[in-house]
Amino acid sequence: MSLDEFCSRLEHLRLDRSGGSVKPYKPLLVAAVVILIHKGKQQSRNVFLDGGLRSAFQQLLDLLFPGWPNQARPEYPFRHLENDGVWTLIPIEGASAALRAAKDARAEAWDVLRHVRCAQLDEAVFDQLASSFEARFRVLRLLARAYFPPDRSGRLWDFLGDDLPSVPVPRAAEAMDISERALEEHLELHWSETPFADAGVELARREAHGWPCRQVFTPVNSIDLLGFEPKARRWWVFELKRGRSADHVVGQVSRYLGWIAEERRGNRESAVGAIIVRRADPKLRYAVKANERLSLWEFDEQLQVKRVA
């Protein structure tokens, strides 16, 4: 599929108009995926409805439609964007017949998604979005003009940052992306079993802290995981290193810490960073040791983490 065709389909999304109001859920979910691609967090054309995507969707809803009166469920647009030709639902292994039957029966989104592994973007479209800032900007501008309030859609560009080049996506990225998502999901779902929880760190919650715990959008990129240590009044930034240089990842985490310091100025709160990698190389160890606000952690095959610096 060409990018022109993809954009044409986005211009003609069929939106839910039940209850007398137009629901912006489909364009919001597409925008969330494009922003995650831009930030290097979505490195595969396989789109999973995980905590990271849910968080990005909710943050965009709060930003563009503050005070939205209805409960927003990303399951609905995730399921029905297939009907608009935006992506294809990929079944869980062995569930192809069950998925087809659920679609034929026009089952509720929940019943359909029970058989779905992920949604899959067209390969050519994903390659363009991943490699070209102009392609990402074109899609976001289209969505903003067609579906988002003019007086607030300008805030959308704040999420893109000003120092992010086009993201090169290697052909092996699909397996890498699943591994990263698995680690993020595991840490969130099994937080009580981590050494961070033992130290009194809890995952951030929008209701209690004002920020979510996954893919927290900032002007310099998005934070993988965010925690808060109440007794010490200390924020914890968790960054998963994805094959980038030691200087890059240390600089990135430092920018996050600076952003938190600016946002929470006057609250008598501090911030530290925890970099989590599969294997720590010497350059990264040295860089972390030079910064007392950073710590370095490795994870094993069971996705258990331990501190190494």
Protein backbone atom coordinates (compact mmCIF):
# COMPACT_ATOMS: atom_id res chain seq x y z
CA MET A 1 0.00 0.00 0.00
CA SER A 2 1.26 3.49 -0.79
CA LEU A 3 1.33 6.24 1.82
CA ASP A 4 -1.17 8.17 -0.32
CA GLU A 5 -3.65 5.30 -0.08
CA PHE A 6 -3.04 4.97 3.66
CA CYS A 7 -3.73 8.69 4.17
CA SER A 8 -6.87 8.46 2.04
CA ARG A 9 -8.18 5.73 4.31
CA LEU A 10 -7.38 7.81 7.38
CA GLU A 11 -9.33 10.73 5.91
CA HIS A 12 -12.44 8.57 5.72
CA LEU A 13 -12.49 6.81 9.08
CA ARG A 14 -15.95 5.75 10.18
CA LEU A 15 -16.33 7.18 13.67
CA ASP A 16 -18.68 6.04 16.41
CA ARG A 17 -21.54 8.55 16.65
CA SER A 18 -23.67 6.75 19.21
CA GLY A 19 -25.22 8.78 22.02
CA GLY A 20 -25.18 11.95 19.96
CA SER A 21 -21.42 12.56 20.18
CA VAL A 22 -18.59 11.79 17.78
CA LYS A 23 -15.95 9.56 19.37
CA PRO A 24 -12.36 10.43 18.32
CA TYR A 25 -10.96 7.07 19.41
CA LYS A 26 -9.83 5.78 16.01
CA PRO A 27 -7.70 8.81 15.02
CA LEU A 28 -6.33 9.02 18.57
CA LEU A 29 -5.14 5.41 18.46
CA VAL A 30 -3.52 5.88 15.05
CA ALA A 31 -1.81 9.06 16.29
CA ALA A 32 -0.53 7.18 19.35
CA VAL A 33 1.02 4.49 17.14
CA VAL A 34 2.68 7.07 14.85
CA ILE A 35 4.14 8.95 17.82
CA LEU A 36 5.50 5.71 19.30
CA ILE A 37 7.08 4.92 15.92
CA HIS A 38 8.64 8.39 15.89
CA LYS A 39 10.11 7.90 19.34
CA GLY A 40 11.56 4.51 18.46
CA LYS A 41 9.22 2.70 20.86
CA GLN A 42 7.25 0.94 18.11
CA GLN A 43 9.86 -0.84 15.99
CA SER A 44 7.71 -3.42 14.27
CA ARG A 45 4.68 -3.27 12.01
CA ASN A 46 3.02 -5.58 14.53
CA VAL A 47 1.03 -3.35 16.89
CA PHE A 48 0.21 -4.81 20.30
CA LEU A 49 -2.53 -3.42 22.54
CA ASP A 50 -0.26 -3.36 25.57
CA GLY A 51 0.20 -0.97 28.46
CA GLY A 52 2.45 1.32 26.43
CA LEU A 53 -0.08 1.87 23.65
CA ARG A 54 -2.94 2.23 26.13
CA SER A 55 -0.98 4.89 28.00
CA ALA A 56 -0.16 6.81 24.80
CA PHE A 57 -3.83 6.68 23.75
CA GLN A 58 -5.03 7.99 27.11
CA GLN A 59 -2.44 10.79 27.20
CA LEU A 60 -3.54 12.01 23.77
CA LEU A 61 -7.20 11.89 24.82
CA ASP A 62 -6.43 13.94 27.95
CA LEU A 63 -4.38 16.43 25.93
CA LEU A 64 -6.70 16.97 22.98
CA PHE A 65 -10.08 16.38 24.63
CA PRO A 66 -9.67 17.43 28.28
CA GLY A 67 -12.61 16.50 30.47
CA TRP A 68 -13.85 13.90 27.96
CA PRO A 69 -17.09 12.67 29.57
CA ASN A 70 -17.08 9.09 28.33
CA GLN A 71 -14.93 6.14 29.33
CA ALA A 72 -12.51 5.55 26.47
CA ARG A 73 -11.71 1.95 25.62
CA PRO A 74 -8.89 1.50 23.07
CA GLU A 75 -10.16 -2.02 22.41
CA TYR A 76 -12.90 -0.62 20.18
CA PRO A 77 -10.72 1.34 17.73
CA PHE A 78 -8.06 -1.38 17.86
CA ARG A 79 -10.62 -3.87 16.63
CA HIS A 80 -12.54 -1.68 14.15
CA LEU A 81 -9.63 0.08 12.42
CA GLU A 82 -9.36 -3.12 10.42
CA ASN A 83 -12.73 -2.31 8.86
CA ASP A 84 -11.27 1.01 7.66
CA GLY A 85 -8.31 -0.75 6.04
CA VAL A 86 -5.77 0.80 8.41
CA TRP A 87 -4.39 -2.54 9.58
CA THR A 88 -5.12 -6.26 9.72
CA LEU A 89 -5.85 -8.26 12.85
CA ILE A 90 -3.47 -11.21 13.23
CA PRO A 91 -4.88 -14.21 15.12
CA ILE A 92 -3.26 -16.05 17.97
CA GLU A 93 -1.67 -19.27 16.73
CA GLY A 94 -4.41 -21.82 16.14
CA ALA A 95 -7.22 -19.26 16.47
CA SER A 96 -7.75 -18.31 12.82
CA ALA A 97 -11.09 -20.10 12.56
CA ALA A 98 -12.32 -18.71 15.88
CA LEU A 99 -11.36 -15.17 14.84
CA ARG A 100 -13.10 -15.54 11.50
CA ALA A 101 -16.24 -16.88 13.21
CA ALA A 102 -16.28 -14.02 15.70
CA LYS A 103 -16.02 -11.49 12.88
CA ASP A 104 -18.74 -13.21 10.85
CA ALA A 105 -21.01 -13.18 13.90
CA ARG A 106 -20.28 -9.48 14.42
CA ALA A 107 -19.23 -10.22 17.96
CA GLU A 108 -18.32 -7.48 20.42
CA ALA A 109 -14.78 -6.13 20.24
CA TRP A 110 -13.86 -7.98 23.43
CA ASP A 111 -14.90 -11.34 21.97
CA VAL A 112 -13.03 -10.70 18.73
CA LEU A 113 -9.82 -9.60 20.46
CA ARG A 114 -9.73 -12.77 22.57
CA HIS A 115 -8.46 -14.45 19.41
CA VAL A 116 -6.09 -11.65 18.28
CA ARG A 117 -2.33 -11.55 18.78
CA CYS A 118 -1.75 -8.09 17.30
CA ALA A 119 -2.75 -5.69 14.55
CA GLN A 120 -0.44 -5.51 11.55
CA LEU A 121 0.30 -2.42 9.49
CA ASP A 122 1.08 -2.72 5.80
CA GLU A 123 4.82 -3.33 5.44
CA ALA A 124 5.43 -0.52 2.94
CA VAL A 125 3.45 1.95 5.05
CA PHE A 126 5.33 1.02 8.22
CA ASP A 127 8.70 1.31 6.48
CA GLN A 128 7.83 4.84 5.35
CA LEU A 129 6.57 5.89 8.77
CA ALA A 130 9.65 4.42 10.45
CA SER A 131 12.21 5.97 8.10
CA SER A 132 10.69 9.34 7.21
CA PHE A 133 9.86 12.23 9.53
CA GLU A 134 7.92 13.80 6.66
CA ALA A 135 5.66 10.72 6.44
CA ARG A 136 4.96 10.77 10.17
CA PHE A 137 4.31 14.51 10.14
CA ARG A 138 1.97 14.14 7.16
CA VAL A 139 -0.15 11.53 8.93
CA LEU A 140 -0.32 13.45 12.21
CA ARG A 141 -1.17 16.70 10.43
CA LEU A 142 -3.95 14.94 8.51
CA LEU A 143 -5.41 13.50 11.72
CA ALA A 144 -5.15 16.85 13.52
CA ARG A 145 -6.91 18.77 10.75
CA ALA A 146 -9.63 16.18 10.22
CA TYR A 147 -10.47 15.08 13.74
CA PHE A 148 -8.87 17.12 16.55
CA PRO A 149 -9.87 20.54 18.00
CA PRO A 150 -7.91 23.31 16.20
CA ASP A 151 -7.24 25.17 19.44
CA ARG A 152 -5.51 22.18 21.02
CA SER A 153 -4.05 20.13 18.17
CA GLY A 154 -0.92 22.29 18.15
CA ARG A 155 0.08 20.60 21.41
CA LEU A 156 0.44 17.38 19.43
CA TRP A 157 3.76 18.58 18.00
CA ASP A 158 5.22 18.94 21.49
CA PHE A 159 5.32 15.16 21.70
CA LEU A 160 7.59 14.91 18.66
CA GLY A 161 10.51 16.69 20.30
CA ASP A 162 13.11 18.63 18.35
CA ASP A 163 16.11 16.33 18.35
CA LEU A 164 14.73 13.07 17.02
CA PRO A 165 16.03 11.90 13.65
CA SER A 166 14.27 9.37 11.48
CA VAL A 167 14.34 6.00 13.17
CA PRO A 168 16.15 3.29 11.17
CA VAL A 169 14.39 -0.04 11.55
CA PRO A 170 16.50 -3.15 10.99
CA ARG A 171 14.87 -6.22 9.54
CA ALA A 172 15.53 -8.03 12.83
CA ALA A 173 13.57 -5.37 14.71
CA GLU A 174 10.40 -7.42 15.01
CA ALA A 175 11.92 -9.95 17.40
CA MET A 176 13.72 -7.18 19.30
CA ASP A 177 10.51 -5.20 19.65
CA ILE A 178 8.61 -8.16 21.10
CA SER A 179 11.40 -8.75 23.64
CA GLU A 180 11.32 -5.13 24.77
CA ARG A 181 7.56 -5.14 25.05
CA ALA A 182 7.69 -8.39 26.97
CA LEU A 183 10.10 -6.85 29.47
CA GLU A 184 8.00 -3.72 29.93
CA GLU A 185 4.85 -5.78 30.34
CA HIS A 186 6.54 -8.16 32.76
CA LEU A 187 7.86 -5.37 34.96
CA GLU A 188 4.47 -3.69 35.10
CA LEU A 189 2.48 -6.86 35.77
CA HIS A 190 4.96 -8.32 38.27
CA TRP A 191 6.15 -5.11 39.88
CA SER A 192 5.71 -6.43 43.43
CA GLU A 193 8.35 -9.08 42.70
CA THR A 194 11.04 -6.63 41.55
CA PRO A 195 13.91 -5.23 43.63
CA PHE A 196 12.48 -1.78 42.96
CA ALA A 197 9.28 -2.62 44.80
CA ASP A 198 11.36 -4.07 47.64
CA ALA A 199 13.06 -0.66 47.89
CA GLY A 200 9.69 1.10 48.24
CA VAL A 201 9.28 2.26 44.64
CA GLU A 202 5.76 2.08 43.23
CA LEU A 203 4.69 2.50 39.63
CA ALA A 204 3.31 5.94 38.84
CA ARG A 205 -0.46 6.24 38.60
CA ARG A 206 -2.27 9.03 36.86
CA GLU A 207 -4.79 9.35 39.69
CA ALA A 208 -2.15 9.64 42.42
CA HIS A 209 0.84 11.20 40.67
CA GLY A 210 -0.47 12.97 37.58
CA TRP A 211 1.53 10.78 35.21
CA PRO A 212 1.01 7.20 33.97
CA CYS A 213 3.65 4.52 34.41
CA ARG A 214 4.16 3.56 30.74
CA GLN A 215 5.42 5.57 27.77
CA VAL A 216 5.17 8.96 29.50
CA PHE A 217 5.30 11.58 26.75
CA THR A 218 7.84 14.37 27.24
CA PRO A 219 9.29 16.95 24.82
CA VAL A 220 12.54 14.95 24.64
CA ASN A 221 11.04 11.47 24.03
CA SER A 222 8.85 9.13 26.07
CA ILE A 223 9.83 7.48 29.33
CA ASP A 224 9.58 3.68 29.20
CA LEU A 225 8.54 3.23 32.83
CA LEU A 226 8.05 5.79 35.59
CA GLY A 227 7.99 5.08 39.32
CA PHE A 228 7.78 7.05 42.55
CA GLU A 229 9.34 6.37 45.95
CA PRO A 230 7.00 8.06 48.47
CA LYS A 231 9.24 7.95 51.55
CA ALA A 232 12.14 9.60 49.75
CA ARG A 233 9.87 11.76 47.56
CA ARG A 234 11.90 10.52 44.61
CA TRP A 235 10.95 9.78 41.01
CA TRP A 236 12.46 6.78 39.22
CA VAL A 237 12.95 6.84 35.46
CA PHE A 238 13.40 3.36 33.95
CA GLU A 239 14.97 3.26 30.48
CA LEU A 240 15.41 0.11 28.39
CA LYS A 241 18.56 0.43 26.28
CA ARG A 242 17.96 -0.62 22.66
CA GLY A 243 21.32 -1.02 21.02
CA ARG A 244 22.18 2.67 21.35
CA SER A 245 25.50 4.08 22.42
CA ALA A 246 26.31 4.56 26.10
CA ASP A 247 26.55 8.32 25.59
CA HIS A 248 23.13 8.42 23.96
CA VAL A 249 21.26 6.46 26.61
CA VAL A 250 22.93 8.27 29.53
CA GLY A 251 22.20 11.60 27.89
CA GLN A 252 18.60 10.58 27.25
CA VAL A 253 17.97 9.59 30.86
CA SER A 254 19.66 12.78 32.06
CA ARG A 255 17.26 14.81 29.92
CA TYR A 256 14.31 12.97 31.46
CA LEU A 257 15.60 13.78 34.94
CA GLY A 258 15.98 17.42 33.96
CA TRP A 259 12.45 17.48 32.60
CA ILE A 260 11.04 16.03 35.83
CA ALA A 261 13.01 18.56 37.87
CA GLU A 262 11.47 21.36 35.80
CA GLU A 263 7.95 19.96 35.93
CA ARG A 264 8.04 19.28 39.70
CA ARG A 265 9.95 22.40 40.64
CA GLY A 266 9.01 23.56 44.14
CA ASN A 267 7.69 20.15 45.23
CA ARG A 268 10.88 19.13 47.05
CA GLU A 269 11.17 15.99 44.96
CA SER A 270 14.25 14.41 43.39
CA ALA A 271 14.70 12.03 40.46
CA VAL A 272 17.01 9.13 39.62
CA GLY A 273 17.42 6.96 36.56
CA ALA A 274 17.67 3.17 36.21
CA ILE A 275 19.00 1.85 32.90
CA ILE A 276 17.97 -1.75 32.19
CA VAL A 277 19.89 -3.79 29.59
CA ARG A 278 20.33 -7.41 28.53
CA ARG A 279 24.10 -7.19 28.97
CA ALA A 280 26.00 -4.15 30.18
CA ASP A 281 29.06 -3.18 28.16
CA PRO A 282 32.09 -1.50 29.82
CA LYS A 283 31.43 1.90 28.23
CA LEU A 284 27.96 2.03 29.73
CA ARG A 285 29.22 0.90 33.14
CA TYR A 286 31.80 3.70 33.19
CA ALA A 287 29.26 6.30 32.07
CA VAL A 288 26.79 5.26 34.78
CA LYS A 289 29.43 5.22 37.51
CA ALA A 290 30.26 8.85 36.69
CA ASN A 291 26.69 9.92 37.48
CA GLU A 292 25.51 9.30 41.05
CA ARG A 293 21.87 9.69 40.01
CA LEU A 294 22.03 6.71 37.64
CA SER A 295 22.09 2.96 38.24
CA LEU A 296 22.60 0.07 35.81
CA TRP A 297 20.62 -3.17 35.79
CA GLU A 298 20.67 -6.36 33.71
CA PHE A 299 17.79 -8.75 32.99
CA ASP A 300 18.02 -12.48 32.34
CA GLU A 301 16.01 -15.01 30.31
CA GLN A 302 13.32 -15.07 33.00
CA LEU A 303 13.08 -11.25 32.79
CA GLN A 304 14.43 -10.89 36.32
CA VAL A 305 16.57 -7.79 36.95
CA LYS A 306 19.63 -7.27 39.12
CA ARG A 307 21.84 -4.25 39.71
CA VAL A 308 25.33 -4.32 38.20
CA ALA A 309 26.48 -0.69 38.67
